[in-house]
């Protein structure tokens, strides 16, 4: 078993979906979430506010600085994610295929680093 993050990527400036499409996507994601939970793969998931609401905290020369806006300047940002506990990459990819349809966004699949103490 391993944990994987399935992150949903949003692109700024793409045509905004209609309210009807957004509501259907919410329903589809809710249904997928229920299936993931029933399968025992659920660890955690959540949607994120837009990237412009981010605050970046960093250390520079011994001082802590905070700045408004996303860390990465660009048009693509993470809009939400799932953390799943699954058998392997193939199972994570199977969930990602369903997730990209449900949320109508590109989904990146990345394994968590293994904990050497496990």
Protein backbone atom coordinates (compact mmCIF):
# COMPACT_ATOMS: atom_id res chain seq x y z
CA UNK A 1 0.00 0.00 0.00
CA UNK A 2 1.11 3.53 -0.68
CA UNK A 3 -0.26 7.02 -0.52
CA UNK A 4 -0.71 9.14 -3.60
CA UNK A 5 -1.81 12.71 -4.11
CA UNK A 6 -4.16 13.33 -7.01
CA UNK A 7 -4.03 17.07 -7.61
CA UNK A 8 -6.50 18.90 -9.83
CA UNK A 9 -4.96 21.62 -11.95
CA UNK A 10 -6.92 24.68 -13.01
CA UNK A 11 -5.87 27.10 -15.75
CA UNK A 12 -6.61 30.81 -15.31
CA UNK A 13 -8.26 32.49 -18.25
CA UNK A 14 -9.94 29.38 -19.63
CA UNK A 15 -13.61 29.82 -20.38
CA UNK A 16 -15.62 29.66 -17.19
CA UNK A 17 -18.14 26.82 -17.06
CA UNK A 18 -21.81 27.64 -16.61
CA UNK A 19 -23.39 27.45 -13.17
CA UNK A 20 -25.18 24.31 -14.33
CA UNK A 21 -21.88 22.68 -15.35
CA UNK A 22 -20.28 23.65 -12.04
CA UNK A 23 -23.16 22.18 -10.04
CA UNK A 24 -22.98 18.95 -12.04
CA UNK A 25 -19.22 18.73 -11.44
CA UNK A 26 -19.83 19.14 -7.68
CA UNK A 27 -22.34 16.30 -7.79
CA UNK A 28 -19.98 14.11 -9.80
CA UNK A 29 -17.09 14.74 -7.41
CA UNK A 30 -19.32 14.03 -4.39
CA UNK A 31 -20.34 10.70 -5.96
CA UNK A 32 -16.70 9.84 -6.69
CA UNK A 33 -15.73 10.76 -3.11
CA UNK A 34 -18.34 8.34 -1.79
CA UNK A 35 -16.96 5.56 -4.01
CA UNK A 36 -13.38 6.23 -2.89
CA UNK A 37 -14.50 6.12 0.75
CA UNK A 38 -16.45 2.87 0.26
CA UNK A 39 -13.39 1.33 -1.42
CA UNK A 40 -11.27 2.18 1.65
CA UNK A 41 -8.83 4.32 -0.34
CA UNK A 42 -9.85 7.68 1.16
CA UNK A 43 -7.36 9.56 3.34
CA UNK A 44 -8.27 13.21 2.73
CA UNK A 45 -9.48 15.55 0.01
CA UNK A 46 -10.35 19.19 -0.44
CA UNK A 47 -10.90 22.01 -2.85
CA UNK A 48 -8.79 25.14 -2.66
CA UNK A 49 -9.69 28.79 -2.95
CA UNK A 50 -8.24 30.62 -6.00
CA UNK A 51 -4.46 31.04 -6.15
CA UNK A 52 -4.66 34.79 -5.56
CA UNK A 53 -5.83 34.07 -1.99
CA UNK A 54 -2.52 32.38 -1.16
CA UNK A 55 0.11 33.75 1.19
CA UNK A 56 3.73 32.66 0.84
CA UNK A 57 5.94 32.39 3.93
CA UNK A 58 9.69 32.06 3.46
CA UNK A 59 12.93 32.55 5.30
CA UNK A 60 15.58 34.82 3.81
CA UNK A 61 18.82 35.59 5.65
CA UNK A 62 17.31 34.76 9.03
CA UNK A 63 14.14 36.81 8.52
CA UNK A 64 10.66 35.44 7.90
CA UNK A 65 8.90 37.15 5.01
CA UNK A 66 5.28 36.86 3.95
CA UNK A 67 3.97 37.89 0.55
CA UNK A 68 0.55 37.83 -1.06
CA UNK A 69 -0.22 35.61 -3.99
CA UNK A 70 0.84 32.19 -5.12
CA UNK A 71 4.42 30.98 -4.82
CA UNK A 72 4.58 30.07 -8.49
CA UNK A 73 3.72 32.83 -10.93
CA UNK A 74 1.79 31.28 -13.74
CA UNK A 75 -1.61 30.50 -15.16
CA UNK A 76 -1.85 26.95 -13.81
CA UNK A 77 -2.56 26.28 -10.15
CA UNK A 78 -3.77 23.43 -7.97
CA UNK A 79 -7.50 23.76 -7.47
CA UNK A 80 -7.98 20.77 -5.19
CA UNK A 81 -6.66 17.33 -4.37
CA UNK A 82 -7.26 13.87 -3.01
CA UNK A 83 -4.87 11.87 -0.85
CA UNK A 84 -5.48 8.16 -1.40
CA UNK A 85 -4.06 5.03 0.20
CA UNK A 86 -3.98 2.42 -2.56
CA UNK A 87 -2.14 -0.75 -3.54
CA UNK A 88 -0.01 0.78 -6.28
CA UNK A 89 0.34 3.35 -9.05
CA UNK A 90 -2.08 1.47 -11.28
CA UNK A 91 -4.85 1.80 -8.71
CA UNK A 92 -4.04 5.50 -8.20
CA UNK A 93 -4.22 6.03 -11.97
CA UNK A 94 -7.56 4.23 -12.15
CA UNK A 95 -8.99 6.68 -9.60
CA UNK A 96 -7.36 9.61 -11.44
CA UNK A 97 -9.09 8.61 -14.68
CA UNK A 98 -12.41 8.86 -12.91
CA UNK A 99 -11.39 12.06 -11.09
CA UNK A 100 -10.49 13.95 -14.26
CA UNK A 101 -13.95 13.23 -15.67
CA UNK A 102 -15.74 14.15 -12.44
CA UNK A 103 -13.91 17.42 -11.76
CA UNK A 104 -13.37 18.41 -15.40
CA UNK A 105 -9.72 19.27 -14.85
CA UNK A 106 -6.33 17.72 -15.41
CA UNK A 107 -5.26 15.44 -12.55
CA UNK A 108 -1.61 14.87 -11.63
CA UNK A 109 -0.76 11.68 -9.71
CA UNK A 110 2.27 11.69 -7.40
CA UNK A 111 3.37 9.21 -4.77
CA UNK A 112 4.27 10.35 -1.29
CA UNK A 113 7.79 9.57 -0.16
CA UNK A 114 7.95 6.41 1.86
CA UNK A 115 8.53 6.80 5.55
CA UNK A 116 11.69 4.83 6.41
CA UNK A 117 10.29 4.16 9.91
CA UNK A 118 7.23 2.33 8.53
